[in-house]
């Protein structure tokens, strides 16, 4: 296998079998993950995504299925909140749950990421500062040994006037990340989470929105996780033939080239809209799309710092499509 392919796809899929459209029972999803770890493409697996409220159930299954393995890496899904007050109260409780979970079950499963949706109350940029103040005070809440390294990913609405609210949220994340105490208390730099699929096609972000978020995260030094609707590598029309579906290879190619070459946002949008699989060219020493190129080392750096992973309720579909494209051995 080409080093460039492995750099682009290593640990790229956070398995979210509990969530739509799969909606598997917890035991079935956990057993699926255990099976995937025994298969040749296990290197593509990232974390197991689980609601924070179901962590103890997961630990009991993990003790049975992963007794001799390193701890199962878990990304906990928080409840968010309908307003800032609910958000802060829920997050406070979930952090305590995560700390207790890691202390009690850390031998078999450990939460090292938290995904949570920001509330939609308030007017654009004004909705984030109160939450930012709370997050900057978190060291007092995280004295528990249950925290070693926790990376939060924050999701925000793209409805209505979205540019300035999104820019403001990402800049606020940068401000939190630059806190001088972050490395001392086990809170890794926070990232932005972008939902790329919905039950209604009108709720799927446009290629312009995706390009804007990738470019803004790159400019602000904030990492980015994708989720939802990314079962297939390359952009295509959905089964109805009425709407386009984003491809995860498009998004990661755009992120890698944004990090390595900083093209204008218009070029990123072209990459996101690319529908020809052959246009994504993996070389012995790197990756190329049209005249833009990144080395294997630059791909790995972009994956670490900018485009980290994507959540998918399926591991089989992405893997099978990549194999059909000739990218997997």
C-alpha atoms as a PDB file:
ATOM      1  CA  UNK A   1       0.000   0.000   0.000  1.00  0.00           C
ATOM      2  CA  UNK A   2       1.180   3.493  -0.829  1.00  0.00           C
ATOM      3  CA  UNK A   3       2.377   5.514   2.158  1.00  0.00           C
ATOM      4  CA  UNK A   4       0.236   8.414   0.968  1.00  0.00           C
ATOM      5  CA  UNK A   5      -2.952   6.311   1.175  1.00  0.00           C
ATOM      6  CA  UNK A   6      -2.138   5.174   4.683  1.00  0.00           C
ATOM      7  CA  UNK A   7      -1.321   8.733   5.767  1.00  0.00           C
ATOM      8  CA  UNK A   8      -4.646   9.986   4.391  1.00  0.00           C
ATOM      9  CA  UNK A   9      -6.799   7.245   5.938  1.00  0.00           C
ATOM     10  CA  UNK A  10      -5.096   6.098   9.163  1.00  0.00           C
ATOM     11  CA  UNK A  11      -7.577   6.211  12.047  1.00  0.00           C
ATOM     12  CA  UNK A  12      -9.954   8.194   9.857  1.00  0.00           C
ATOM     13  CA  UNK A  13     -13.273   6.484  10.734  1.00  0.00           C
ATOM     14  CA  UNK A  14     -14.807   7.024  14.155  1.00  0.00           C
ATOM     15  CA  UNK A  15     -17.336   4.198  14.262  1.00  0.00           C
ATOM     16  CA  UNK A  16     -20.820   5.463  15.133  1.00  0.00           C
ATOM     17  CA  UNK A  17     -22.933   2.368  14.604  1.00  0.00           C
ATOM     18  CA  UNK A  18     -25.355   3.435  17.346  1.00  0.00           C
ATOM     19  CA  UNK A  19     -26.527   6.396  15.299  1.00  0.00           C
ATOM     20  CA  UNK A  20     -28.720   6.886  12.190  1.00  0.00           C
ATOM     21  CA  UNK A  21     -29.191   5.469   9.716  1.00  0.00           C
ATOM     22  CA  UNK A  22     -27.774   2.232  11.182  1.00  0.00           C
ATOM     23  CA  UNK A  23     -29.176   2.689  14.736  1.00  0.00           C
ATOM     24  CA  UNK A  24     -27.676  -0.593  15.922  1.00  0.00           C
ATOM     25  CA  UNK A  25     -28.128  -1.888  19.477  1.00  0.00           C
ATOM     26  CA  UNK A  26     -25.096  -1.143  21.647  1.00  0.00           C
ATOM     27  CA  UNK A  27     -24.012  -4.771  21.882  1.00  0.00           C
ATOM     28  CA  UNK A  28     -24.166  -5.284  18.104  1.00  0.00           C
ATOM     29  CA  UNK A  29     -22.254  -2.076  17.382  1.00  0.00           C
ATOM     30  CA  UNK A  30     -19.584  -2.962  19.943  1.00  0.00           C
ATOM     31  CA  UNK A  31     -19.212  -6.471  18.539  1.00  0.00           C
ATOM     32  CA  UNK A  32     -18.905  -4.990  15.051  1.00  0.00           C
ATOM     33  CA  UNK A  33     -16.060  -2.763  16.236  1.00  0.00           C
ATOM     34  CA  UNK A  34     -14.319  -5.734  17.865  1.00  0.00           C
ATOM     35  CA  UNK A  35     -14.627  -7.651  14.580  1.00  0.00           C
ATOM     36  CA  UNK A  36     -13.253  -4.749  12.545  1.00  0.00           C
ATOM     37  CA  UNK A  37     -10.191  -4.695  14.807  1.00  0.00           C
ATOM     38  CA  UNK A  38      -9.385  -8.213  13.590  1.00  0.00           C
ATOM     39  CA  UNK A  39      -9.600  -7.338   9.910  1.00  0.00           C
ATOM     40  CA  UNK A  40      -6.805  -6.100   7.593  1.00  0.00           C
ATOM     41  CA  UNK A  41      -8.214  -2.572   7.423  1.00  0.00           C
ATOM     42  CA  UNK A  42      -8.284  -2.105  11.215  1.00  0.00           C
ATOM     43  CA  UNK A  43      -5.702   0.677  10.847  1.00  0.00           C
ATOM     44  CA  UNK A  44      -8.494   2.874   9.416  1.00  0.00           C
ATOM     45  CA  UNK A  45     -10.510   2.695  12.642  1.00  0.00           C
ATOM     46  CA  UNK A  46     -10.572   5.596  15.064  1.00  0.00           C
ATOM     47  CA  UNK A  47     -12.676   5.897  18.214  1.00  0.00           C
ATOM     48  CA  UNK A  48     -15.974   4.264  19.129  1.00  0.00           C
ATOM     49  CA  UNK A  49     -18.684   6.949  19.425  1.00  0.00           C
ATOM     50  CA  UNK A  50     -21.054   6.502  22.367  1.00  0.00           C
ATOM     51  CA  UNK A  51     -23.490   8.788  24.213  1.00  0.00           C
ATOM     52  CA  UNK A  52     -22.051   9.883  27.556  1.00  0.00           C
ATOM     53  CA  UNK A  53     -25.206   8.548  29.220  1.00  0.00           C
ATOM     54  CA  UNK A  54     -24.425   4.983  28.036  1.00  0.00           C
ATOM     55  CA  UNK A  55     -20.745   4.759  28.934  1.00  0.00           C
ATOM     56  CA  UNK A  56     -21.208   2.283  31.768  1.00  0.00           C
ATOM     57  CA  UNK A  57     -23.144  -0.082  29.477  1.00  0.00           C
ATOM     58  CA  UNK A  58     -20.287   0.154  26.999  1.00  0.00           C
ATOM     59  CA  UNK A  59     -17.681  -0.631  29.651  1.00  0.00           C
ATOM     60  CA  UNK A  60     -19.369  -3.903  30.552  1.00  0.00           C
ATOM     61  CA  UNK A  61     -19.294  -5.002  26.914  1.00  0.00           C
ATOM     62  CA  UNK A  62     -15.725  -3.766  26.421  1.00  0.00           C
ATOM     63  CA  UNK A  63     -14.548  -5.853  29.362  1.00  0.00           C
ATOM     64  CA  UNK A  64     -15.848  -8.939  27.562  1.00  0.00           C
ATOM     65  CA  UNK A  65     -14.732  -8.066  24.028  1.00  0.00           C
ATOM     66  CA  UNK A  66     -11.382  -6.326  24.566  1.00  0.00           C
ATOM     67  CA  UNK A  67      -9.840  -8.046  27.612  1.00  0.00           C
ATOM     68  CA  UNK A  68      -6.326  -8.362  26.208  1.00  0.00           C
ATOM     69  CA  UNK A  69      -6.219  -5.233  24.055  1.00  0.00           C
ATOM     70  CA  UNK A  70      -5.278  -1.629  24.739  1.00  0.00           C
ATOM     71  CA  UNK A  71      -8.249   0.281  26.153  1.00  0.00           C
ATOM     72  CA  UNK A  72     -11.040   0.924  23.687  1.00  0.00           C
ATOM     73  CA  UNK A  73     -10.784   4.554  22.584  1.00  0.00           C
ATOM     74  CA  UNK A  74     -14.122   6.293  23.057  1.00  0.00           C
ATOM     75  CA  UNK A  75     -15.566   9.590  21.907  1.00  0.00           C
ATOM     76  CA  UNK A  76     -18.438  10.525  24.220  1.00  0.00           C
ATOM     77  CA  UNK A  77     -21.404  12.351  22.731  1.00  0.00           C
ATOM     78  CA  UNK A  78     -22.752  15.065  24.992  1.00  0.00           C
ATOM     79  CA  UNK A  79     -26.307  16.345  25.234  1.00  0.00           C
ATOM     80  CA  UNK A  80     -25.591  19.990  24.483  1.00  0.00           C
ATOM     81  CA  UNK A  81     -28.448  22.210  25.636  1.00  0.00           C
ATOM     82  CA  UNK A  82     -31.247  24.426  24.408  1.00  0.00           C
ATOM     83  CA  UNK A  83     -29.494  27.484  25.865  1.00  0.00           C
ATOM     84  CA  UNK A  84     -26.157  28.409  27.413  1.00  0.00           C
ATOM     85  CA  UNK A  85     -27.276  27.596  30.948  1.00  0.00           C
ATOM     86  CA  UNK A  86     -28.434  24.098  29.965  1.00  0.00           C
ATOM     87  CA  UNK A  87     -25.277  23.561  27.961  1.00  0.00           C
ATOM     88  CA  UNK A  88     -23.001  24.438  30.881  1.00  0.00           C
ATOM     89  CA  UNK A  89     -25.004  22.325  33.357  1.00  0.00           C
ATOM     90  CA  UNK A  90     -25.038  19.313  31.047  1.00  0.00           C
ATOM     91  CA  UNK A  91     -21.360  19.631  30.209  1.00  0.00           C
ATOM     92  CA  UNK A  92     -20.428  19.898  33.875  1.00  0.00           C
ATOM     93  CA  UNK A  93     -22.327  16.688  34.655  1.00  0.00           C
ATOM     94  CA  UNK A  94     -20.909  14.855  31.620  1.00  0.00           C
ATOM     95  CA  UNK A  95     -17.347  15.766  32.517  1.00  0.00           C
ATOM     96  CA  UNK A  96     -17.870  14.277  35.972  1.00  0.00           C
ATOM     97  CA  UNK A  97     -19.357  11.150  34.382  1.00  0.00           C
ATOM     98  CA  UNK A  98     -16.373  10.828  32.039  1.00  0.00           C
ATOM     99  CA  UNK A  99     -13.862  11.246  34.874  1.00  0.00           C
ATOM    100  CA  UNK A 100     -15.592   8.588  36.977  1.00  0.00           C
ATOM    101  CA  UNK A 101     -15.838   6.280  33.964  1.00  0.00           C
ATOM    102  CA  UNK A 102     -12.135   6.581  33.155  1.00  0.00           C
ATOM    103  CA  UNK A 103     -11.167   5.884  36.768  1.00  0.00           C
ATOM    104  CA  UNK A 104     -13.419   2.854  37.073  1.00  0.00           C
ATOM    105  CA  UNK A 105     -13.132   1.339  33.592  1.00  0.00           C
ATOM    106  CA  UNK A 106      -9.956   2.836  32.126  1.00  0.00           C
ATOM    107  CA  UNK A 107      -8.349  -0.577  31.813  1.00  0.00           C
ATOM    108  CA  UNK A 108     -10.831  -1.650  29.125  1.00  0.00           C
ATOM    109  CA  UNK A 109     -12.196   1.638  27.733  1.00  0.00           C
ATOM    110  CA  UNK A 110     -11.147   5.269  28.009  1.00  0.00           C
ATOM    111  CA  UNK A 111     -12.879   8.446  26.863  1.00  0.00           C
ATOM    112  CA  UNK A 112     -10.391  10.807  25.258  1.00  0.00           C
ATOM    113  CA  UNK A 113     -12.791  12.894  23.142  1.00  0.00           C
ATOM    114  CA  UNK A 114     -16.087  14.660  23.746  1.00  0.00           C
ATOM    115  CA  UNK A 115     -18.500  15.810  21.020  1.00  0.00           C
ATOM    116  CA  UNK A 116     -21.132  18.375  21.885  1.00  0.00           C
ATOM    117  CA  UNK A 117     -23.426  20.762  20.048  1.00  0.00           C
ATOM    118  CA  UNK A 118     -23.358  24.433  20.989  1.00  0.00           C
ATOM    119  CA  UNK A 119     -26.736  25.977  21.847  1.00  0.00           C
ATOM    120  CA  UNK A 120     -28.484  28.140  19.289  1.00  0.00           C
ATOM    121  CA  UNK A 121     -29.684  30.775  21.729  1.00  0.00           C
ATOM    122  CA  UNK A 122     -28.307  34.277  21.440  1.00  0.00           C
ATOM    123  CA  UNK A 123     -27.392  36.352  18.412  1.00  0.00           C
ATOM    124  CA  UNK A 124     -24.566  34.925  16.395  1.00  0.00           C
ATOM    125  CA  UNK A 125     -21.158  35.709  17.887  1.00  0.00           C
ATOM    126  CA  UNK A 126     -22.725  36.623  21.239  1.00  0.00           C
ATOM    127  CA  UNK A 127     -23.796  33.048  21.967  1.00  0.00           C
ATOM    128  CA  UNK A 128     -20.282  31.723  22.543  1.00  0.00           C
ATOM    129  CA  UNK A 129     -18.535  34.026  25.084  1.00  0.00           C
ATOM    130  CA  UNK A 130     -20.464  32.789  28.157  1.00  0.00           C
ATOM    131  CA  UNK A 131     -19.570  29.229  27.283  1.00  0.00           C
ATOM    132  CA  UNK A 132     -15.975  30.281  26.652  1.00  0.00           C
ATOM    133  CA  UNK A 133     -15.761  31.749  30.158  1.00  0.00           C
ATOM    134  CA  UNK A 134     -16.998  28.463  31.625  1.00  0.00           C
ATOM    135  CA  UNK A 135     -14.516  26.409  29.615  1.00  0.00           C
ATOM    136  CA  UNK A 136     -11.663  28.622  30.729  1.00  0.00           C
ATOM    137  CA  UNK A 137     -12.599  27.844  34.337  1.00  0.00           C
ATOM    138  CA  UNK A 138     -12.638  24.090  33.814  1.00  0.00           C
ATOM    139  CA  UNK A 139      -9.287  23.354  35.513  1.00  0.00           C
ATOM    140  CA  UNK A 140     -11.053  23.452  38.884  1.00  0.00           C
ATOM    141  CA  UNK A 141     -13.482  20.803  37.661  1.00  0.00           C
ATOM    142  CA  UNK A 142     -10.838  18.547  36.170  1.00  0.00           C
ATOM    143  CA  UNK A 143      -8.692  17.791  39.200  1.00  0.00           C
ATOM    144  CA  UNK A 144      -9.845  14.201  39.068  1.00  0.00           C
ATOM    145  CA  UNK A 145      -7.259  11.630  37.930  1.00  0.00           C
ATOM    146  CA  UNK A 146      -9.866  10.453  35.436  1.00  0.00           C
ATOM    147  CA  UNK A 147      -8.609  13.080  33.014  1.00  0.00           C
ATOM    148  CA  UNK A 148      -5.381  12.497  31.186  1.00  0.00           C
ATOM    149  CA  UNK A 149      -6.110  13.959  27.788  1.00  0.00           C
ATOM    150  CA  UNK A 150      -9.551  14.982  26.553  1.00  0.00           C
ATOM    151  CA  UNK A 151     -10.240  16.597  23.189  1.00  0.00           C
ATOM    152  CA  UNK A 152     -13.593  18.378  22.782  1.00  0.00           C
ATOM    153  CA  UNK A 153     -15.277  18.933  19.409  1.00  0.00           C
ATOM    154  CA  UNK A 154     -17.999  21.583  19.188  1.00  0.00           C
ATOM    155  CA  UNK A 155     -20.786  21.560  16.624  1.00  0.00           C
ATOM    156  CA  UNK A 156     -22.618  24.754  15.651  1.00  0.00           C
ATOM    157  CA  UNK A 157     -25.670  25.535  13.544  1.00  0.00           C
ATOM    158  CA  UNK A 158     -25.305  26.520   9.884  1.00  0.00           C
ATOM    159  CA  UNK A 159     -28.841  27.819   9.548  1.00  0.00           C
ATOM    160  CA  UNK A 160     -29.647  31.442   8.746  1.00  0.00           C
ATOM    161  CA  UNK A 161     -26.776  33.930   8.705  1.00  0.00           C
ATOM    162  CA  UNK A 162     -23.925  31.501   9.240  1.00  0.00           C
ATOM    163  CA  UNK A 163     -20.626  33.102   8.198  1.00  0.00           C
ATOM    164  CA  UNK A 164     -19.914  35.404  11.118  1.00  0.00           C
ATOM    165  CA  UNK A 165     -21.341  33.087  13.813  1.00  0.00           C
ATOM    166  CA  UNK A 166     -19.183  30.221  12.537  1.00  0.00           C
ATOM    167  CA  UNK A 167     -16.108  32.423  12.201  1.00  0.00           C
ATOM    168  CA  UNK A 168     -16.723  33.744  15.717  1.00  0.00           C
ATOM    169  CA  UNK A 169     -17.116  30.237  17.169  1.00  0.00           C
ATOM    170  CA  UNK A 170     -13.905  28.986  15.545  1.00  0.00           C
ATOM    171  CA  UNK A 171     -11.996  32.062  16.707  1.00  0.00           C
ATOM    172  CA  UNK A 172     -13.335  31.546  20.212  1.00  0.00           C
ATOM    173  CA  UNK A 173     -12.020  27.970  20.095  1.00  0.00           C
ATOM    174  CA  UNK A 174      -8.623  29.315  19.099  1.00  0.00           C
ATOM    175  CA  UNK A 175      -8.734  31.632  22.109  1.00  0.00           C
ATOM    176  CA  UNK A 176      -9.501  28.728  24.445  1.00  0.00           C
ATOM    177  CA  UNK A 177      -6.779  26.628  22.867  1.00  0.00           C
ATOM    178  CA  UNK A 178      -4.233  29.371  23.468  1.00  0.00           C
ATOM    179  CA  UNK A 179      -4.910  29.311  27.198  1.00  0.00           C
ATOM    180  CA  UNK A 180      -1.575  28.941  28.959  1.00  0.00           C
ATOM    181  CA  UNK A 181      -3.022  26.372  31.384  1.00  0.00           C
ATOM    182  CA  UNK A 182      -4.446  23.976  28.813  1.00  0.00           C
ATOM    183  CA  UNK A 183      -1.506  21.570  28.777  1.00  0.00           C
ATOM    184  CA  UNK A 184      -1.361  21.484  32.555  1.00  0.00           C
ATOM    185  CA  UNK A 185      -4.816  20.139  33.199  1.00  0.00           C
ATOM    186  CA  UNK A 186      -5.412  17.563  30.501  1.00  0.00           C
ATOM    187  CA  UNK A 187      -7.587  19.469  28.044  1.00  0.00           C
ATOM    188  CA  UNK A 188      -6.291  19.050  24.522  1.00  0.00           C
ATOM    189  CA  UNK A 189      -6.953  21.830  22.006  1.00  0.00           C
ATOM    190  CA  UNK A 190     -10.626  21.860  21.100  1.00  0.00           C
ATOM    191  CA  UNK A 191     -11.869  21.304  17.564  1.00  0.00           C
ATOM    192  CA  UNK A 192     -14.881  22.131  15.426  1.00  0.00           C
ATOM    193  CA  UNK A 193     -17.368  19.451  14.357  1.00  0.00           C
ATOM    194  CA  UNK A 194     -19.125  19.737  11.006  1.00  0.00           C
ATOM    195  CA  UNK A 195     -22.262  17.727  10.238  1.00  0.00           C
ATOM    196  CA  UNK A 196     -22.230  16.845   6.518  1.00  0.00           C
ATOM    197  CA  UNK A 197     -25.468  14.881   6.161  1.00  0.00           C
ATOM    198  CA  UNK A 198     -29.020  15.105   7.392  1.00  0.00           C
ATOM    199  CA  UNK A 199     -32.296  13.284   6.824  1.00  0.00           C
ATOM    200  CA  UNK A 200     -33.357  16.230   4.655  1.00  0.00           C
ATOM    201  CA  UNK A 201     -31.114  17.258   1.777  1.00  0.00           C
ATOM    202  CA  UNK A 202     -31.863  20.933   2.461  1.00  0.00           C
ATOM    203  CA  UNK A 203     -29.989  20.590   5.765  1.00  0.00           C
ATOM    204  CA  UNK A 204     -26.785  19.263   4.151  1.00  0.00           C
ATOM    205  CA  UNK A 205     -24.111  21.984   4.165  1.00  0.00           C
ATOM    206  CA  UNK A 206     -23.252  23.461   0.794  1.00  0.00           C
ATOM    207  CA  UNK A 207     -19.810  23.045  -0.725  1.00  0.00           C
ATOM    208  CA  UNK A 208     -19.309  26.762  -0.071  1.00  0.00           C
ATOM    209  CA  UNK A 209     -20.018  26.297   3.630  1.00  0.00           C
ATOM    210  CA  UNK A 210     -17.705  23.300   3.890  1.00  0.00           C
ATOM    211  CA  UNK A 211     -14.902  25.135   2.091  1.00  0.00           C
ATOM    212  CA  UNK A 212     -15.386  28.184   4.330  1.00  0.00           C
ATOM    213  CA  UNK A 213     -15.137  26.077   7.493  1.00  0.00           C
ATOM    214  CA  UNK A 214     -12.048  24.197   6.310  1.00  0.00           C
ATOM    215  CA  UNK A 215     -10.339  27.457   5.353  1.00  0.00           C
ATOM    216  CA  UNK A 216     -11.309  29.182   8.607  1.00  0.00           C
ATOM    217  CA  UNK A 217     -10.141  26.265  10.758  1.00  0.00           C
ATOM    218  CA  UNK A 218      -6.855  26.275   8.858  1.00  0.00           C
ATOM    219  CA  UNK A 219      -6.424  30.032   9.334  1.00  0.00           C
ATOM    220  CA  UNK A 220      -7.239  29.847  13.040  1.00  0.00           C
ATOM    221  CA  UNK A 221      -5.280  26.673  13.816  1.00  0.00           C
ATOM    222  CA  UNK A 222      -8.371  24.740  14.950  1.00  0.00           C
ATOM    223  CA  UNK A 223      -8.829  21.057  14.156  1.00  0.00           C
ATOM    224  CA  UNK A 224     -11.925  19.767  12.375  1.00  0.00           C
ATOM    225  CA  UNK A 225     -13.963  16.584  12.621  1.00  0.00           C
ATOM    226  CA  UNK A 226     -16.684  15.639  10.117  1.00  0.00           C
ATOM    227  CA  UNK A 227     -19.748  13.525  10.772  1.00  0.00           C
ATOM    228  CA  UNK A 228     -22.957  12.220   9.166  1.00  0.00           C
ATOM    229  CA  UNK A 229     -23.651  11.354   5.544  1.00  0.00           C
ATOM    230  CA  UNK A 230     -20.087  10.380   4.611  1.00  0.00           C
ATOM    231  CA  UNK A 231     -20.436   6.709   3.721  1.00  0.00           C
ATOM    232  CA  UNK A 232     -18.764   7.031   0.328  1.00  0.00           C
ATOM    233  CA  UNK A 233     -15.392   8.456  -0.689  1.00  0.00           C
ATOM    234  CA  UNK A 234     -16.383  10.686  -3.614  1.00  0.00           C
ATOM    235  CA  UNK A 235     -19.162  13.237  -4.061  1.00  0.00           C
ATOM    236  CA  UNK A 236     -22.149  11.898  -5.997  1.00  0.00           C
ATOM    237  CA  UNK A 237     -25.893  12.195  -6.513  1.00  0.00           C
ATOM    238  CA  UNK A 238     -28.002  10.448  -3.892  1.00  0.00           C
ATOM    239  CA  UNK A 239     -30.350   7.579  -4.715  1.00  0.00           C
ATOM    240  CA  UNK A 240     -33.122   9.975  -5.716  1.00  0.00           C
ATOM    241  CA  UNK A 241     -30.853  11.763  -8.174  1.00  0.00           C
ATOM    242  CA  UNK A 242     -32.004  15.077  -6.739  1.00  0.00           C
ATOM    243  CA  UNK A 243     -29.233  16.055  -4.324  1.00  0.00           C
ATOM    244  CA  UNK A 244     -25.477  15.713  -4.075  1.00  0.00           C
ATOM    245  CA  UNK A 245     -23.873  13.818  -1.205  1.00  0.00           C
ATOM    246  CA  UNK A 246     -20.471  14.841   0.112  1.00  0.00           C
ATOM    247  CA  UNK A 247     -17.568  12.419  -0.237  1.00  0.00           C
ATOM    248  CA  UNK A 248     -15.165  11.947   2.656  1.00  0.00           C
ATOM    249  CA  UNK A 249     -12.192  11.736   0.308  1.00  0.00           C
ATOM    250  CA  UNK A 250     -13.168  15.125  -1.138  1.00  0.00           C
ATOM    251  CA  UNK A 251     -13.237  16.657   2.328  1.00  0.00           C
ATOM    252  CA  UNK A 252      -9.962  15.185   3.497  1.00  0.00           C
ATOM    253  CA  UNK A 253      -8.246  16.057   0.217  1.00  0.00           C
ATOM    254  CA  UNK A 254      -9.460  19.651   0.631  1.00  0.00           C
ATOM    255  CA  UNK A 255      -8.234  19.712   4.221  1.00  0.00           C
ATOM    256  CA  UNK A 256      -4.833  18.249   3.406  1.00  0.00           C
ATOM    257  CA  UNK A 257      -4.257  20.673   0.524  1.00  0.00           C
ATOM    258  CA  UNK A 258      -5.546  23.600   2.601  1.00  0.00           C
ATOM    259  CA  UNK A 259      -2.978  22.764   5.250  1.00  0.00           C
ATOM    260  CA  UNK A 260      -0.116  22.054   2.870  1.00  0.00           C
ATOM    261  CA  UNK A 261      -0.677  24.696   0.143  1.00  0.00           C
ATOM    262  CA  UNK A 262      -3.281  27.195   1.413  1.00  0.00           C
ATOM    263  CA  UNK A 263      -5.131  27.599  -1.881  1.00  0.00           C
ATOM    264  CA  UNK A 264      -7.978  30.137  -2.075  1.00  0.00           C
ATOM    265  CA  UNK A 265     -11.352  29.038  -0.786  1.00  0.00           C
ATOM    266  CA  UNK A 266     -12.654  28.814  -4.352  1.00  0.00           C
ATOM    267  CA  UNK A 267     -10.160  26.000  -5.082  1.00  0.00           C
ATOM    268  CA  UNK A 268     -11.187  24.166  -1.928  1.00  0.00           C
ATOM    269  CA  UNK A 269     -14.768  24.355  -3.109  1.00  0.00           C
ATOM    270  CA  UNK A 270     -13.734  22.807  -6.441  1.00  0.00           C
ATOM    271  CA  UNK A 271     -12.111  19.894  -4.601  1.00  0.00           C
ATOM    272  CA  UNK A 272     -15.236  19.394  -2.498  1.00  0.00           C
ATOM    273  CA  UNK A 273     -17.359  19.356  -5.674  1.00  0.00           C
ATOM    274  CA  UNK A 274     -15.090  16.947  -7.588  1.00  0.00           C
ATOM    275  CA  UNK A 275     -17.037  13.880  -8.786  1.00  0.00           C
ATOM    276  CA  UNK A 276     -14.341  12.071 -10.769  1.00  0.00           C
ATOM    277  CA  UNK A 277     -12.582   9.467  -8.567  1.00  0.00           C
ATOM    278  CA  UNK A 278      -9.582   9.452 -10.908  1.00  0.00           C
ATOM    279  CA  UNK A 279      -8.934  13.106 -10.065  1.00  0.00           C
ATOM    280  CA  UNK A 280      -7.740  12.048  -6.604  1.00  0.00           C
ATOM    281  CA  UNK A 281      -4.284  10.741  -7.458  1.00  0.00           C
ATOM    282  CA  UNK A 282      -2.260   8.908  -4.837  1.00  0.00           C
ATOM    283  CA  UNK A 283       1.424   8.743  -5.708  1.00  0.00           C
ATOM    284  CA  UNK A 284       4.320   6.834  -4.225  1.00  0.00           C
ATOM    285  CA  UNK A 285       5.494   9.937  -2.401  1.00  0.00           C
ATOM    286  CA  UNK A 286       2.294  11.945  -1.963  1.00  0.00           C
ATOM    287  CA  UNK A 287      -1.130  13.011  -3.196  1.00  0.00           C
ATOM    288  CA  UNK A 288      -2.225  15.216  -6.103  1.00  0.00           C
ATOM    289  CA  UNK A 289      -5.414  16.890  -7.261  1.00  0.00           C
ATOM    290  CA  UNK A 290      -4.923  18.870 -10.479  1.00  0.00           C
ATOM    291  CA  UNK A 291      -1.903  21.121  -9.868  1.00  0.00           C
ATOM    292  CA  UNK A 292      -2.035  20.909  -6.055  1.00  0.00           C
ATOM    293  CA  UNK A 293       0.173  18.359  -4.372  1.00  0.00           C
ATOM    294  CA  UNK A 294       1.066  17.233  -0.834  1.00  0.00           C
ATOM    295  CA  UNK A 295       3.780  14.850   0.308  1.00  0.00           C
ATOM    296  CA  UNK A 296       3.035  11.889   2.571  1.00  0.00           C
ATOM    297  CA  UNK A 297       4.599  13.847   5.437  1.00  0.00           C
ATOM    298  CA  UNK A 298       2.371  16.842   4.711  1.00  0.00           C
ATOM    299  CA  UNK A 299      -0.691  14.578   4.584  1.00  0.00           C
ATOM    300  CA  UNK A 300       0.168  13.160   8.009  1.00  0.00           C
ATOM    301  CA  UNK A 301       0.680  16.656   9.427  1.00  0.00           C
ATOM    302  CA  UNK A 302      -2.678  17.843   8.070  1.00  0.00           C
ATOM    303  CA  UNK A 303      -4.444  14.809   9.522  1.00  0.00           C
ATOM    304  CA  UNK A 304      -2.942  15.502  12.924  1.00  0.00           C
ATOM    305  CA  UNK A 305      -3.518  19.251  13.009  1.00  0.00           C
ATOM    306  CA  UNK A 306      -6.509  20.035  10.791  1.00  0.00           C
ATOM    307  CA  UNK A 307      -8.755  17.207   9.483  1.00  0.00           C
ATOM    308  CA  UNK A 308      -8.725  14.539  12.182  1.00  0.00           C
ATOM    309  CA  UNK A 309     -11.512  12.018  11.475  1.00  0.00           C
ATOM    310  CA  UNK A 310     -15.098  11.510  10.416  1.00  0.00           C
ATOM    311  CA  UNK A 311     -17.927   9.736  12.201  1.00  0.00           C
ATOM    312  CA  UNK A 312     -19.750   7.014  10.277  1.00  0.00           C
ATOM    313  CA  UNK A 313     -22.384   4.475  11.276  1.00  0.00           C
ATOM    314  CA  UNK A 314     -20.813   2.144   8.681  1.00  0.00           C
ATOM    315  CA  UNK A 315     -17.273   0.846   8.379  1.00  0.00           C
ATOM    316  CA  UNK A 316     -18.050  -1.605   5.583  1.00  0.00           C
ATOM    317  CA  UNK A 317     -19.325   0.922   3.036  1.00  0.00           C
ATOM    318  CA  UNK A 318     -16.326   3.300   3.154  1.00  0.00           C
ATOM    319  CA  UNK A 319     -13.900   0.383   3.149  1.00  0.00           C
ATOM    320  CA  UNK A 320     -15.596  -1.441   0.279  1.00  0.00           C
ATOM    321  CA  UNK A 321     -15.696   1.703  -1.863  1.00  0.00           C
ATOM    322  CA  UNK A 322     -12.031   2.434  -1.224  1.00  0.00           C
ATOM    323  CA  UNK A 323     -11.184  -1.125  -2.191  1.00  0.00           C
ATOM    324  CA  UNK A 324     -13.212  -0.755  -5.400  1.00  0.00           C
ATOM    325  CA  UNK A 325     -11.188   2.373  -6.197  1.00  0.00           C
ATOM    326  CA  UNK A 326      -7.995   0.313  -5.888  1.00  0.00           C
ATOM    327  CA  UNK A 327      -6.704   2.241  -2.877  1.00  0.00           C
ATOM    328  CA  UNK A 328      -6.666  -0.707  -0.461  1.00  0.00           C
ATOM    329  CA  UNK A 329      -4.703  -3.902  -0.898  1.00  0.00           C
END
